[in-house]
Amino acid sequence: MSEPASGRPVSVQPGDVVRLRKPHPCGGADWTVVRIGADIGLKCTTCQHRVMLTRPEFERRVKVFLRHAGSDQAGASTGGPTAE
Protein backbone atom coordinates (compact mmCIF):
# COMPACT_ATOMS: atom_id res chain seq x y z
CA MET A 1 0.00 0.00 0.00
CA SER A 2 1.18 3.47 -0.73
CA GLU A 3 0.43 6.72 1.02
CA PRO A 4 -1.02 9.78 -0.74
CA ALA A 5 1.63 12.18 -2.03
CA SER A 6 1.69 15.26 0.16
CA GLY A 7 0.66 18.46 -1.57
CA ARG A 8 -0.88 16.53 -4.47
CA PRO A 9 -4.64 15.96 -4.57
CA VAL A 10 -5.82 12.36 -4.73
CA SER A 11 -7.66 11.52 -7.95
CA VAL A 12 -11.11 10.21 -7.00
CA GLN A 13 -14.24 9.50 -9.07
CA PRO A 14 -17.78 8.42 -8.24
CA GLY A 15 -17.85 4.63 -8.13
CA ASP A 16 -14.38 4.25 -6.60
CA VAL A 17 -14.24 1.90 -3.60
CA VAL A 18 -11.89 2.95 -0.79
CA ARG A 19 -10.89 1.62 2.61
CA LEU A 20 -10.61 4.22 5.35
CA ARG A 21 -8.19 4.07 8.27
CA LYS A 22 -10.87 3.45 10.91
CA PRO A 23 -13.81 1.05 10.46
CA HIS A 24 -17.41 2.23 10.57
CA PRO A 25 -19.34 1.32 13.78
CA CYS A 26 -21.29 -1.29 11.76
CA GLY A 27 -18.00 -3.16 11.28
CA GLY A 28 -17.48 -2.25 7.61
CA ALA A 29 -14.30 -0.53 6.48
CA ASP A 30 -15.00 -0.17 2.75
CA TRP A 31 -16.80 2.82 1.21
CA THR A 32 -18.09 3.66 -2.26
CA VAL A 33 -17.61 7.23 -3.52
CA VAL A 34 -21.04 8.55 -4.53
CA ARG A 35 -20.44 12.31 -4.91
CA ILE A 36 -17.57 14.60 -5.84
CA GLY A 37 -17.53 18.33 -5.27
CA ALA A 38 -16.45 20.60 -2.44
CA ASP A 39 -17.22 17.57 -0.27
CA ILE A 40 -16.84 13.89 -1.09
CA GLY A 41 -19.88 11.70 -0.47
CA LEU A 42 -19.26 8.14 0.70
CA LYS A 43 -21.61 5.19 1.22
CA CYS A 44 -20.69 2.30 3.54
CA THR A 45 -20.67 -0.95 1.55
CA THR A 46 -21.89 -2.88 4.62
CA CYS A 47 -24.83 -0.84 5.98
CA GLN A 48 -25.37 1.72 3.16
CA HIS A 49 -24.97 4.69 5.57
CA ARG A 50 -23.92 7.87 3.76
CA VAL A 51 -21.43 10.47 5.00
CA MET A 52 -19.86 13.62 3.58
CA LEU A 53 -16.18 14.45 4.10
CA THR A 54 -14.24 17.50 3.00
CA ARG A 55 -11.53 16.68 0.46
CA PRO A 56 -8.65 17.28 2.96
CA GLU A 57 -10.40 15.07 5.53
CA PHE A 58 -11.01 12.37 2.90
CA GLU A 59 -7.34 12.45 1.86
CA ARG A 60 -6.23 12.07 5.49
CA ARG A 61 -8.63 9.18 6.19
CA VAL A 62 -8.21 7.11 3.02
CA LYS A 63 -5.96 4.11 3.49
CA VAL A 64 -6.19 2.36 0.12
CA PHE A 65 -8.20 2.38 -3.10
CA LEU A 66 -9.72 -1.08 -3.57
CA ARG A 67 -11.28 -0.41 -6.97
CA HIS A 68 -11.30 2.56 -9.31
CA ALA A 69 -14.44 3.39 -11.29
CA GLY A 70 -14.16 2.38 -14.93
CA SER A 71 -11.28 0.02 -14.20
CA ASP A 72 -11.45 -3.77 -14.37
CA GLN A 73 -8.60 -4.37 -11.97
CA ALA A 74 -8.17 -3.37 -8.33
CA GLY A 75 -5.51 -0.78 -7.59
CA ALA A 76 -5.42 0.83 -11.04
CA SER A 77 -2.99 3.74 -11.03
CA THR A 78 -4.66 7.17 -11.04
CA GLY A 79 -2.32 9.02 -8.74
CA GLY A 80 -3.84 7.92 -5.43
CA PRO A 81 -3.12 5.19 -2.90
CA THR A 82 -3.47 1.70 -4.33
CA ALA A 83 -3.78 -1.88 -3.12
CA GLU A 84 -0.72 -4.00 -3.83
PDB file of N, CA and C in Angstrom:
ATOM      1  N   MET A   1       0.849  -1.183   0.000  1.00  0.00           N
ATOM      2  CA  MET A   1       0.000   0.000   0.000  1.00  0.00           C
ATOM      3  C   MET A   1       0.883   1.231   0.000  1.00  0.00           C
ATOM      4  N   SER A   2       0.422   2.238  -0.703  1.00  0.00           N
ATOM      5  CA  SER A   2       1.181   3.471  -0.730  1.00  0.00           C
ATOM      6  C   SER A   2       0.359   4.606  -0.136  1.00  0.00           C
ATOM      7  N   GLU A   3       1.063   5.564   0.395  1.00  0.00           N
ATOM      8  CA  GLU A   3       0.434   6.725   1.017  1.00  0.00           C
ATOM      9  C   GLU A   3       0.183   7.798  -0.035  1.00  0.00           C
ATOM     10  N   PRO A   4      -0.805   8.676   0.191  1.00  0.00           N
ATOM     11  CA  PRO A   4      -1.020   9.777  -0.738  1.00  0.00           C
ATOM     12  C   PRO A   4       0.189  10.710  -0.755  1.00  0.00           C
ATOM     13  N   ALA A   5       0.525  11.227  -1.927  1.00  0.00           N
ATOM     14  CA  ALA A   5       1.626  12.179  -2.034  1.00  0.00           C
ATOM     15  C   ALA A   5       1.206  13.491  -1.381  1.00  0.00           C
ATOM     16  N   SER A   6       2.052  14.018  -0.524  1.00  0.00           N
ATOM     17  CA  SER A   6       1.694  15.264   0.156  1.00  0.00           C
ATOM     18  C   SER A   6       1.711  16.418  -0.835  1.00  0.00           C
ATOM     19  N   GLY A   7       0.739  17.314  -0.701  1.00  0.00           N
ATOM     20  CA  GLY A   7       0.659  18.459  -1.571  1.00  0.00           C
ATOM     21  C   GLY A   7       0.023  18.169  -2.922  1.00  0.00           C
ATOM     22  N   ARG A   8      -0.282  16.916  -3.199  1.00  0.00           N
ATOM     23  CA  ARG A   8      -0.882  16.531  -4.472  1.00  0.00           C
ATOM     24  C   ARG A   8      -2.255  15.945  -4.222  1.00  0.00           C
ATOM     25  N   PRO A   9      -3.305  16.491  -4.837  1.00  0.00           N
ATOM     26  CA  PRO A   9      -4.644  15.960  -4.568  1.00  0.00           C
ATOM     27  C   PRO A   9      -4.798  14.529  -5.077  1.00  0.00           C
ATOM     28  N   VAL A  10      -5.550  13.728  -4.348  1.00  0.00           N
ATOM     29  CA  VAL A  10      -5.825  12.357  -4.727  1.00  0.00           C
ATOM     30  C   VAL A  10      -6.896  12.371  -5.810  1.00  0.00           C
ATOM     31  N   SER A  11      -6.676  11.619  -6.878  1.00  0.00           N
ATOM     32  CA  SER A  11      -7.663  11.515  -7.946  1.00  0.00           C
ATOM     33  C   SER A  11      -8.755  10.548  -7.511  1.00  0.00           C
ATOM     34  N   VAL A  12      -9.991  11.034  -7.460  1.00  0.00           N
ATOM     35  CA  VAL A  12     -11.109  10.211  -7.000  1.00  0.00           C
ATOM     36  C   VAL A  12     -12.307  10.466  -7.903  1.00  0.00           C
ATOM     37  N   GLN A  13     -13.067   9.408  -8.200  1.00  0.00           N
ATOM     38  CA  GLN A  13     -14.238   9.505  -9.067  1.00  0.00           C
ATOM     39  C   GLN A  13     -15.402   8.778  -8.416  1.00  0.00           C
ATOM     40  N   PRO A  14     -16.628   9.182  -8.736  1.00  0.00           N
ATOM     41  CA  PRO A  14     -17.784   8.425  -8.244  1.00  0.00           C
ATOM     42  C   PRO A  14     -17.683   6.979  -8.724  1.00  0.00           C
ATOM     43  N   GLY A  15     -17.951   6.055  -7.816  1.00  0.00           N
ATOM     44  CA  GLY A  15     -17.851   4.631  -8.127  1.00  0.00           C
ATOM     45  C   GLY A  15     -16.586   3.989  -7.584  1.00  0.00           C
ATOM     46  N   ASP A  16     -15.582   4.803  -7.211  1.00  0.00           N
ATOM     47  CA  ASP A  16     -14.377   4.250  -6.595  1.00  0.00           C
ATOM     48  C   ASP A  16     -14.750   3.608  -5.260  1.00  0.00           C
ATOM     49  N   VAL A  17     -14.044   2.543  -4.902  1.00  0.00           N
ATOM     50  CA  VAL A  17     -14.235   1.897  -3.601  1.00  0.00           C
ATOM     51  C   VAL A  17     -12.938   2.073  -2.825  1.00  0.00           C
ATOM     52  N   VAL A  18     -13.063   2.653  -1.611  1.00  0.00           N
ATOM     53  CA  VAL A  18     -11.893   2.947  -0.787  1.00  0.00           C
ATOM     54  C   VAL A  18     -12.034   2.289   0.581  1.00  0.00           C
ATOM     55  N   ARG A  19     -10.896   2.072   1.221  1.00  0.00           N
ATOM     56  CA  ARG A  19     -10.888   1.618   2.614  1.00  0.00           C
ATOM     57  C   ARG A  19     -10.314   2.756   3.437  1.00  0.00           C
ATOM     58  N   LEU A  20     -11.056   3.144   4.478  1.00  0.00           N
ATOM     59  CA  LEU A  20     -10.610   4.224   5.351  1.00  0.00           C
ATOM     60  C   LEU A  20      -9.807   3.645   6.513  1.00  0.00           C
ATOM     61  N   ARG A  21      -9.088   4.523   7.198  1.00  0.00           N
ATOM     62  CA  ARG A  21      -8.193   4.075   8.272  1.00  0.00           C
ATOM     63  C   ARG A  21      -8.932   3.462   9.464  1.00  0.00           C
ATOM     64  N   LYS A  22     -10.102   3.994   9.784  1.00  0.00           N
ATOM     65  CA  LYS A  22     -10.865   3.450  10.912  1.00  0.00           C
ATOM     66  C   LYS A  22     -12.155   2.828  10.398  1.00  0.00           C
ATOM     67  N   PRO A  23     -12.559   1.672  10.914  1.00  0.00           N
ATOM     68  CA  PRO A  23     -13.808   1.054  10.457  1.00  0.00           C
ATOM     69  C   PRO A  23     -15.038   1.817  10.940  1.00  0.00           C
ATOM     70  N   HIS A  24     -16.120   1.657  10.217  1.00  0.00           N
ATOM     71  CA  HIS A  24     -17.414   2.234  10.575  1.00  0.00           C
ATOM     72  C   HIS A  24     -17.962   1.450  11.774  1.00  0.00           C
ATOM     73  N   PRO A  25     -18.786   2.045  12.628  1.00  0.00           N
ATOM     74  CA  PRO A  25     -19.342   1.321  13.778  1.00  0.00           C
ATOM     75  C   PRO A  25     -20.089   0.034  13.405  1.00  0.00           C
ATOM     76  N   CYS A  26     -20.594  -0.065  12.167  1.00  0.00           N
ATOM     77  CA  CYS A  26     -21.291  -1.292  11.758  1.00  0.00           C
ATOM     78  C   CYS A  26     -20.309  -2.439  11.529  1.00  0.00           C
ATOM     79  N   GLY A  27     -19.016  -2.139  11.496  1.00  0.00           N
ATOM     80  CA  GLY A  27     -18.004  -3.160  11.279  1.00  0.00           C
ATOM     81  C   GLY A  27     -17.387  -3.108   9.892  1.00  0.00           C
ATOM     82  N   GLY A  28     -18.006  -2.366   8.971  1.00  0.00           N
ATOM     83  CA  GLY A  28     -17.480  -2.251   7.613  1.00  0.00           C
ATOM     84  C   GLY A  28     -16.365  -1.219   7.536  1.00  0.00           C
ATOM     85  N   ALA A  29     -15.403  -1.465   6.654  1.00  0.00           N
ATOM     86  CA  ALA A  29     -14.299  -0.527   6.478  1.00  0.00           C
ATOM     87  C   ALA A  29     -14.234   0.006   5.053  1.00  0.00           C
ATOM     88  N   ASP A  30     -15.042  -0.543   4.153  1.00  0.00           N
ATOM     89  CA  ASP A  30     -14.998  -0.170   2.752  1.00  0.00           C
ATOM     90  C   ASP A  30     -16.145   0.777   2.400  1.00  0.00           C
ATOM     91  N   TRP A  31     -15.849   1.768   1.572  1.00  0.00           N
ATOM     92  CA  TRP A  31     -16.798   2.815   1.215  1.00  0.00           C
ATOM     93  C   TRP A  31     -16.789   3.030  -0.285  1.00  0.00           C
ATOM     94  N   THR A  32     -17.965   3.317  -0.848  1.00  0.00           N
ATOM     95  CA  THR A  32     -18.094   3.660  -2.260  1.00  0.00           C
ATOM     96  C   THR A  32     -18.255   5.169  -2.374  1.00  0.00           C
ATOM     97  N   VAL A  33     -17.494   5.784  -3.276  1.00  0.00           N
ATOM     98  CA  VAL A  33     -17.612   7.226  -3.524  1.00  0.00           C
ATOM     99  C   VAL A  33     -18.875   7.453  -4.343  1.00  0.00           C
ATOM    100  N   VAL A  34     -19.774   8.305  -3.839  1.00  0.00           N
ATOM    101  CA  VAL A  34     -21.044   8.554  -4.526  1.00  0.00           C
ATOM    102  C   VAL A  34     -21.191   9.997  -4.996  1.00  0.00           C
ATOM    103  N   ARG A  35     -20.322  10.903  -4.525  1.00  0.00           N
ATOM    104  CA  ARG A  35     -20.443  12.312  -4.905  1.00  0.00           C
ATOM    105  C   ARG A  35     -19.080  12.973  -4.832  1.00  0.00           C
ATOM    106  N   ILE A  36     -18.807  13.824  -5.823  1.00  0.00           N
ATOM    107  CA  ILE A  36     -17.572  14.597  -5.844  1.00  0.00           C
ATOM    108  C   ILE A  36     -17.951  16.068  -5.969  1.00  0.00           C
ATOM    109  N   GLY A  37     -17.288  16.894  -5.227  1.00  0.00           N
ATOM    110  CA  GLY A  37     -17.527  18.333  -5.274  1.00  0.00           C
ATOM    111  C   GLY A  37     -16.659  18.973  -4.210  1.00  0.00           C
ATOM    112  N   ALA A  38     -17.176  20.005  -3.560  1.00  0.00           N
ATOM    113  CA  ALA A  38     -16.451  20.605  -2.441  1.00  0.00           C
ATOM    114  C   ALA A  38     -16.279  19.563  -1.335  1.00  0.00           C
ATOM    115  N   ASP A  39     -17.278  18.699  -1.203  1.00  0.00           N
ATOM    116  CA  ASP A  39     -17.224  17.570  -0.268  1.00  0.00           C
ATOM    117  C   ASP A  39     -17.263  16.283  -1.072  1.00  0.00           C
ATOM    118  N   ILE A  40     -16.802  15.207  -0.457  1.00  0.00           N
ATOM    119  CA  ILE A  40     -16.844  13.891  -1.093  1.00  0.00           C
ATOM    120  C   ILE A  40     -17.860  13.051  -0.341  1.00  0.00           C
ATOM    121  N   GLY A  41     -18.845  12.549  -1.065  1.00  0.00           N
ATOM    122  CA  GLY A  41     -19.879  11.704  -0.474  1.00  0.00           C
ATOM    123  C   GLY A  41     -19.459  10.246  -0.525  1.00  0.00           C
ATOM    124  N   LEU A  42     -19.618   9.552   0.595  1.00  0.00           N
ATOM    125  CA  LEU A  42     -19.262   8.140   0.698  1.00  0.00           C
ATOM    126  C   LEU A  42     -20.453   7.341   1.201  1.00  0.00           C
ATOM    127  N   LYS A  43     -20.557   6.082   0.751  1.00  0.00           N
ATOM    128  CA  LYS A  43     -21.611   5.185   1.220  1.00  0.00           C
ATOM    129  C   LYS A  43     -20.944   3.905   1.717  1.00  0.00           C
ATOM    130  N   CYS A  44     -21.238   3.526   2.950  1.00  0.00           N
ATOM    131  CA  CYS A  44     -20.686   2.303   3.537  1.00  0.00           C
ATOM    132  C   CYS A  44     -21.183   1.100   2.732  1.00  0.00           C
ATOM    133  N   THR A  45     -20.273   0.219   2.343  1.00  0.00           N
ATOM    134  CA  THR A  45     -20.669  -0.946   1.551  1.00  0.00           C
ATOM    135  C   THR A  45     -21.359  -2.005   2.404  1.00  0.00           C
ATOM    136  N   THR A  46     -21.264  -1.896   3.727  1.00  0.00           N
ATOM    137  CA  THR A  46     -21.892  -2.876   4.615  1.00  0.00           C
ATOM    138  C   THR A  46     -23.320  -2.479   4.984  1.00  0.00           C
ATOM    139  N   CYS A  47     -23.506  -1.243   5.482  1.00  0.00           N
ATOM    140  CA  CYS A  47     -24.826  -0.835   5.984  1.00  0.00           C
ATOM    141  C   CYS A  47     -25.505   0.243   5.133  1.00  0.00           C
ATOM    142  N   GLN A  48     -24.834   0.709   4.077  1.00  0.00           N
ATOM    143  CA  GLN A  48     -25.368   1.721   3.156  1.00  0.00           C
ATOM    144  C   GLN A  48     -25.521   3.113   3.770  1.00  0.00           C
ATOM    145  N   HIS A  49     -24.943   3.353   4.949  1.00  0.00           N
ATOM    146  CA  HIS A  49     -24.968   4.687   5.569  1.00  0.00           C
ATOM    147  C   HIS A  49     -24.132   5.645   4.727  1.00  0.00           C
ATOM    148  N   ARG A  50     -24.619   6.881   4.568  1.00  0.00           N
ATOM    149  CA  ARG A  50     -23.919   7.874   3.758  1.00  0.00           C
ATOM    150  C   ARG A  50     -23.324   8.955   4.640  1.00  0.00           C
ATOM    151  N   VAL A  51     -22.103   9.376   4.301  1.00  0.00           N
ATOM    152  CA  VAL A  51     -21.431  10.470   5.002  1.00  0.00           C
ATOM    153  C   VAL A  51     -20.813  11.408   3.978  1.00  0.00           C
ATOM    154  N   MET A  52     -20.546  12.637   4.412  1.00  0.00           N
ATOM    155  CA  MET A  52     -19.865  13.620   3.582  1.00  0.00           C
ATOM    156  C   MET A  52     -18.571  14.017   4.292  1.00  0.00           C
ATOM    157  N   LEU A  53     -17.462  14.018   3.561  1.00  0.00           N
ATOM    158  CA  LEU A  53     -16.177  14.447   4.099  1.00  0.00           C
ATOM    159  C   LEU A  53     -15.619  15.544   3.203  1.00  0.00           C
ATOM    160  N   THR A  54     -14.946  16.515   3.816  1.00  0.00           N
ATOM    161  CA  THR A  54     -14.242  17.502   2.997  1.00  0.00           C
ATOM    162  C   THR A  54     -13.089  16.778   2.306  1.00  0.00           C
ATOM    163  N   ARG A  55     -12.611  17.329   1.200  1.00  0.00           N
ATOM    164  CA  ARG A  55     -11.528  16.675   0.463  1.00  0.00           C
ATOM    165  C   ARG A  55     -10.276  16.482   1.342  1.00  0.00           C
ATOM    166  N   PRO A  56      -9.831  17.507   2.106  1.00  0.00           N
ATOM    167  CA  PRO A  56      -8.653  17.283   2.961  1.00  0.00           C
ATOM    168  C   PRO A  56      -8.877  16.166   3.990  1.00  0.00           C
ATOM    169  N   GLU A  57     -10.093  16.114   4.554  1.00  0.00           N
ATOM    170  CA  GLU A  57     -10.397  15.070   5.534  1.00  0.00           C
ATOM    171  C   GLU A  57     -10.411  13.697   4.853  1.00  0.00           C
ATOM    172  N   PHE A  58     -10.995  13.620   3.659  1.00  0.00           N
ATOM    173  CA  PHE A  58     -11.007  12.367   2.901  1.00  0.00           C
ATOM    174  C   PHE A  58      -9.579  11.901   2.628  1.00  0.00           C
ATOM    175  N   GLU A  59      -8.713  12.821   2.182  1.00  0.00           N
ATOM    176  CA  GLU A  59      -7.340  12.450   1.857  1.00  0.00           C
ATOM    177  C   GLU A  59      -6.568  11.977   3.079  1.00  0.00           C
ATOM    178  N   ARG A  60      -6.881  12.525   4.256  1.00  0.00           N
ATOM    179  CA  ARG A  60      -6.229  12.065   5.493  1.00  0.00           C
ATOM    180  C   ARG A  60      -6.714  10.681   5.891  1.00  0.00           C
ATOM    181  N   ARG A  61      -8.025  10.428   5.706  1.00  0.00           N
ATOM    182  CA  ARG A  61      -8.631   9.184   6.191  1.00  0.00           C
ATOM    183  C   ARG A  61      -8.476   7.983   5.263  1.00  0.00           C
ATOM    184  N   VAL A  62      -8.279   8.234   3.955  1.00  0.00           N
ATOM    185  CA  VAL A  62      -8.209   7.112   3.023  1.00  0.00           C
ATOM    186  C   VAL A  62      -6.928   6.309   3.260  1.00  0.00           C
ATOM    187  N   LYS A  63      -7.085   5.004   3.289  1.00  0.00           N
ATOM    188  CA  LYS A  63      -5.956   4.107   3.489  1.00  0.00           C
ATOM    189  C   LYS A  63      -5.526   3.498   2.159  1.00  0.00           C
ATOM    190  N   VAL A  64      -6.507   3.016   1.384  1.00  0.00           N
ATOM    191  CA  VAL A  64      -6.188   2.364   0.120  1.00  0.00           C
ATOM    192  C   VAL A  64      -7.398   2.410  -0.810  1.00  0.00           C
ATOM    193  N   PHE A  65      -7.145   2.511  -2.107  1.00  0.00           N
ATOM    194  CA  PHE A  65      -8.195   2.377  -3.105  1.00  0.00           C
ATOM    195  C   PHE A  65      -8.309   0.899  -3.437  1.00  0.00           C
ATOM    196  N   LEU A  66      -9.499   0.330  -3.263  1.00  0.00           N
ATOM    197  CA  LEU A  66      -9.717  -1.079  -3.570  1.00  0.00           C
ATOM    198  C   LEU A  66     -10.099  -1.275  -5.027  1.00  0.00           C
ATOM    199  N   ARG A  67     -10.854  -0.323  -5.572  1.00  0.00           N
ATOM    200  CA  ARG A  67     -11.283  -0.406  -6.974  1.00  0.00           C
ATOM    201  C   ARG A  67     -11.530   1.002  -7.481  1.00  0.00           C
ATOM    202  N   HIS A  68     -11.044   1.275  -8.679  1.00  0.00           N
ATOM    203  CA  HIS A  68     -11.295   2.565  -9.312  1.00  0.00           C
ATOM    204  C   HIS A  68     -12.441   2.418 -10.293  1.00  0.00           C
ATOM    205  N   ALA A  69     -13.310   3.405 -10.360  1.00  0.00           N
ATOM    206  CA  ALA A  69     -14.437   3.394 -11.290  1.00  0.00           C
ATOM    207  C   ALA A  69     -13.913   3.321 -12.714  1.00  0.00           C
ATOM    208  N   GLY A  70     -14.560   2.499 -13.530  1.00  0.00           N
ATOM    209  CA  GLY A  70     -14.165   2.382 -14.929  1.00  0.00           C
ATOM    210  C   GLY A  70     -12.926   1.546 -15.138  1.00  0.00           C
ATOM    211  N   SER A  71     -12.458   0.868 -14.097  1.00  0.00           N
ATOM    212  CA  SER A  71     -11.278   0.021 -14.200  1.00  0.00           C
ATOM    213  C   SER A  71     -11.655  -1.408 -13.853  1.00  0.00           C
ATOM    214  N   ASP A  72     -11.138  -2.358 -14.613  1.00  0.00           N
ATOM    215  CA  ASP A  72     -11.452  -3.766 -14.365  1.00  0.00           C
ATOM    216  C   ASP A  72     -10.604  -4.376 -13.270  1.00  0.00           C
ATOM    217  N   GLN A  73      -9.456  -3.777 -12.984  1.00  0.00           N
ATOM    218  CA  GLN A  73      -8.595  -4.371 -11.971  1.00  0.00           C
ATOM    219  C   GLN A  73      -8.486  -3.492 -10.745  1.00  0.00           C
ATOM    220  N   ALA A  74      -8.323  -4.118  -9.584  1.00  0.00           N
ATOM    221  CA  ALA A  74      -8.166  -3.373  -8.332  1.00  0.00           C
ATOM    222  C   ALA A  74      -6.816  -2.686  -8.329  1.00  0.00           C
ATOM    223  N   GLY A  75      -6.781  -1.481  -7.754  1.00  0.00           N
ATOM    224  CA  GLY A  75      -5.514  -0.779  -7.590  1.00  0.00           C
ATOM    225  C   GLY A  75      -4.997  -0.146  -8.861  1.00  0.00           C
ATOM    226  N   ALA A  76      -5.855   0.166  -9.811  1.00  0.00           N
ATOM    227  CA  ALA A  76      -5.416   0.829 -11.036  1.00  0.00           C
ATOM    228  C   ALA A  76      -4.789   2.162 -10.677  1.00  0.00           C
ATOM    229  N   SER A  77      -3.734   2.521 -11.362  1.00  0.00           N
ATOM    230  CA  SER A  77      -2.993   3.737 -11.031  1.00  0.00           C
ATOM    231  C   SER A  77      -3.668   4.995 -11.564  1.00  0.00           C
ATOM    232  N   THR A  78      -4.117   5.857 -10.655  1.00  0.00           N
ATOM    233  CA  THR A  78      -4.657   7.168 -11.043  1.00  0.00           C
ATOM    234  C   THR A  78      -4.079   8.251 -10.155  1.00  0.00           C
ATOM    235  N   GLY A  79      -2.943   7.985  -9.545  1.00  0.00           N
ATOM    236  CA  GLY A  79      -2.316   9.023  -8.741  1.00  0.00           C
ATOM    237  C   GLY A  79      -2.628   8.956  -7.263  1.00  0.00           C
ATOM    238  N   GLY A  80      -3.487   8.038  -6.833  1.00  0.00           N
ATOM    239  CA  GLY A  80      -3.841   7.921  -5.429  1.00  0.00           C
ATOM    240  C   GLY A  80      -3.284   6.663  -4.818  1.00  0.00           C
ATOM    241  N   PRO A  81      -3.582   6.411  -3.551  1.00  0.00           N
ATOM    242  CA  PRO A  81      -3.123   5.194  -2.897  1.00  0.00           C
ATOM    243  C   PRO A  81      -3.743   3.979  -3.588  1.00  0.00           C
ATOM    244  N   THR A  82      -2.978   2.904  -3.649  1.00  0.00           N
ATOM    245  CA  THR A  82      -3.474   1.703  -4.326  1.00  0.00           C
ATOM    246  C   THR A  82      -3.237   0.471  -3.480  1.00  0.00           C
ATOM    247  N   ALA A  83      -3.988  -0.577  -3.763  1.00  0.00           N
ATOM    248  CA  ALA A  83      -3.778  -1.875  -3.116  1.00  0.00           C
ATOM    249  C   ALA A  83      -2.697  -2.603  -3.882  1.00  0.00           C
ATOM    250  N   GLU A  84      -1.787  -3.247  -3.171  1.00  0.00           N
ATOM    251  CA  GLU A  84      -0.721  -4.002  -3.834  1.00  0.00           C
ATOM    252  C   GLU A  84      -0.722  -5.425  -3.373  1.00  0.00           C
TER     253      GLU A  84
END
